[in-house]
Amino acid sequence: MGARTRAPYPPAFRAEAVQLVHANGRSLSQVAKDLGVHHETLRGWVKQMAIDGGRAMG
C-alpha cells in the first residue's frame, strides 16, 4: 500500500494563518503550533504569499 498523504490545506486557511503571523505579536512557531501545522509549512506559506504579493523576501 502507498503512503497516505494529507489533503492540502484550503486556501482560506492558509491566508488566515499568514494573516495571524503578520497581525499578532506571536512568533511564527507559536502561530503554527496553535493551528496544528508544522512551522516550516507556515513559513513557506508566508514566503509564497509575499512573493505572490510582489514583496521581496530578504
N, C-alpha and C. Protein backbone atom coordinates (compact mmCIF):
# COMPACT_ATOMS: atom_id res chain seq x y z
N MET A 1 0.83 -1.19 0.00
CA MET A 1 0.00 0.00 0.00
C MET A 1 0.87 1.25 0.00
N GLY A 2 0.41 2.28 -0.66
CA GLY A 2 1.14 3.54 -0.71
C GLY A 2 0.98 4.33 0.58
N ALA A 3 1.83 5.28 0.75
CA ALA A 3 1.77 6.13 1.93
C ALA A 3 0.56 7.05 1.82
N ARG A 4 -0.04 7.30 2.95
CA ARG A 4 -1.17 8.23 2.99
C ARG A 4 -0.64 9.65 2.97
N THR A 5 -1.32 10.50 2.27
CA THR A 5 -0.96 11.91 2.27
C THR A 5 -2.14 12.71 2.77
N ARG A 6 -1.85 13.80 3.39
CA ARG A 6 -2.88 14.67 3.92
C ARG A 6 -3.40 15.56 2.79
N ALA A 7 -4.69 15.76 2.78
CA ALA A 7 -5.29 16.68 1.80
C ALA A 7 -4.70 18.06 2.02
N PRO A 8 -4.51 18.82 0.96
CA PRO A 8 -3.93 20.16 1.12
C PRO A 8 -4.84 21.07 1.96
N TYR A 9 -4.21 22.00 2.64
CA TYR A 9 -4.99 22.95 3.42
C TYR A 9 -5.73 23.88 2.46
N PRO A 10 -6.96 24.24 2.80
CA PRO A 10 -7.72 25.15 1.93
C PRO A 10 -7.04 26.52 1.84
N PRO A 11 -7.14 27.17 0.71
CA PRO A 11 -6.51 28.49 0.55
C PRO A 11 -6.95 29.50 1.60
N ALA A 12 -8.20 29.45 2.01
CA ALA A 12 -8.68 30.40 3.03
C ALA A 12 -7.98 30.17 4.36
N PHE A 13 -7.72 28.92 4.70
CA PHE A 13 -6.99 28.60 5.94
C PHE A 13 -5.57 29.12 5.87
N ARG A 14 -4.94 28.92 4.72
CA ARG A 14 -3.56 29.40 4.54
C ARG A 14 -3.50 30.91 4.68
N ALA A 15 -4.43 31.61 4.03
CA ALA A 15 -4.44 33.07 4.07
C ALA A 15 -4.66 33.58 5.49
N GLU A 16 -5.57 32.93 6.22
CA GLU A 16 -5.83 33.35 7.59
C GLU A 16 -4.62 33.09 8.48
N ALA A 17 -3.94 31.97 8.26
CA ALA A 17 -2.74 31.65 9.03
C ALA A 17 -1.66 32.70 8.81
N VAL A 18 -1.45 33.08 7.56
CA VAL A 18 -0.44 34.09 7.24
C VAL A 18 -0.82 35.42 7.87
N GLN A 19 -2.10 35.75 7.82
CA GLN A 19 -2.56 37.00 8.42
C GLN A 19 -2.30 37.01 9.93
N LEU A 20 -2.49 35.87 10.58
CA LEU A 20 -2.22 35.78 12.01
C LEU A 20 -0.74 36.03 12.32
N VAL A 21 0.13 35.56 11.46
CA VAL A 21 1.57 35.78 11.66
C VAL A 21 1.88 37.27 11.59
N HIS A 22 1.27 37.96 10.64
CA HIS A 22 1.56 39.38 10.44
C HIS A 22 0.84 40.27 11.45
N ALA A 23 -0.33 39.86 11.92
CA ALA A 23 -1.17 40.73 12.74
C ALA A 23 -0.85 40.67 14.23
N ASN A 24 -0.30 39.58 14.69
CA ASN A 24 -0.09 39.40 16.12
C ASN A 24 1.38 39.55 16.49
N GLY A 25 1.61 39.71 17.76
CA GLY A 25 2.97 39.77 18.27
C GLY A 25 3.55 38.39 18.52
N ARG A 26 2.78 37.34 18.16
CA ARG A 26 3.26 35.98 18.38
C ARG A 26 4.23 35.56 17.29
N SER A 27 5.10 34.65 17.66
CA SER A 27 6.08 34.15 16.69
C SER A 27 5.40 33.24 15.68
N LEU A 28 6.06 33.06 14.56
CA LEU A 28 5.59 32.16 13.53
C LEU A 28 5.44 30.75 14.11
N SER A 29 6.39 30.32 14.91
CA SER A 29 6.33 28.99 15.52
C SER A 29 5.13 28.84 16.43
N GLN A 30 4.81 29.88 17.19
CA GLN A 30 3.66 29.81 18.09
C GLN A 30 2.35 29.75 17.32
N VAL A 31 2.24 30.54 16.27
CA VAL A 31 1.02 30.50 15.44
C VAL A 31 0.87 29.12 14.82
N ALA A 32 1.96 28.57 14.31
CA ALA A 32 1.93 27.23 13.71
C ALA A 32 1.47 26.20 14.73
N LYS A 33 2.01 26.27 15.93
CA LYS A 33 1.63 25.33 16.98
C LYS A 33 0.15 25.47 17.32
N ASP A 34 -0.32 26.70 17.44
CA ASP A 34 -1.73 26.95 17.77
C ASP A 34 -2.66 26.40 16.70
N LEU A 35 -2.22 26.45 15.43
CA LEU A 35 -3.06 25.99 14.32
C LEU A 35 -2.87 24.51 14.02
N GLY A 36 -1.83 23.91 14.59
CA GLY A 36 -1.59 22.49 14.35
C GLY A 36 -0.92 22.19 13.02
N VAL A 37 -0.10 23.15 12.55
CA VAL A 37 0.66 22.93 11.32
C VAL A 37 2.14 23.02 11.66
N HIS A 38 2.97 22.43 10.84
CA HIS A 38 4.41 22.48 11.05
C HIS A 38 4.89 23.91 10.78
N HIS A 39 5.84 24.38 11.58
CA HIS A 39 6.30 25.77 11.42
C HIS A 39 6.93 26.01 10.04
N GLU A 40 7.57 25.00 9.46
CA GLU A 40 8.15 25.20 8.13
C GLU A 40 7.07 25.28 7.06
N THR A 41 5.96 24.61 7.28
CA THR A 41 4.83 24.72 6.37
C THR A 41 4.31 26.15 6.38
N LEU A 42 4.10 26.68 7.57
CA LEU A 42 3.61 28.05 7.69
C LEU A 42 4.63 29.04 7.15
N ARG A 43 5.90 28.81 7.40
CA ARG A 43 6.94 29.70 6.87
C ARG A 43 6.89 29.73 5.33
N GLY A 44 6.66 28.59 4.73
CA GLY A 44 6.54 28.52 3.27
C GLY A 44 5.34 29.30 2.76
N TRP A 45 4.22 29.22 3.49
CA TRP A 45 3.04 29.98 3.09
C TRP A 45 3.30 31.47 3.17
N VAL A 46 3.95 31.90 4.24
CA VAL A 46 4.27 33.33 4.42
C VAL A 46 5.16 33.79 3.27
N LYS A 47 6.18 33.01 2.97
CA LYS A 47 7.11 33.36 1.90
C LYS A 47 6.40 33.42 0.56
N GLN A 48 5.58 32.41 0.26
CA GLN A 48 4.90 32.38 -1.03
C GLN A 48 3.91 33.52 -1.17
N MET A 49 3.19 33.86 -0.11
CA MET A 49 2.24 34.98 -0.20
C MET A 49 2.97 36.31 -0.39
N ALA A 50 4.17 36.42 0.19
CA ALA A 50 4.96 37.64 -0.02
C ALA A 50 5.40 37.73 -1.48
N ILE A 51 5.82 36.61 -2.03
CA ILE A 51 6.22 36.58 -3.45
C ILE A 51 5.02 36.89 -4.33
N ASP A 52 3.90 36.25 -4.06
CA ASP A 52 2.70 36.48 -4.85
C ASP A 52 2.21 37.93 -4.75
N GLY A 53 2.48 38.55 -3.60
CA GLY A 53 2.06 39.93 -3.39
C GLY A 53 3.06 40.94 -3.90
N GLY A 54 4.17 40.48 -4.47
CA GLY A 54 5.16 41.38 -5.04
C GLY A 54 6.16 41.92 -4.04
N ARG A 55 6.19 41.36 -2.84
CA ARG A 55 7.15 41.80 -1.82
C ARG A 55 8.35 40.88 -1.86
N ALA A 56 9.52 41.47 -1.87
CA ALA A 56 10.75 40.68 -1.87
C ALA A 56 11.00 40.14 -0.47
N MET A 57 11.49 38.92 -0.41
CA MET A 57 11.88 38.31 0.85
C MET A 57 13.39 38.40 0.98
N GLY A 58 13.85 38.95 2.06
CA GLY A 58 15.29 39.11 2.20
C GLY A 58 15.91 38.32 3.24
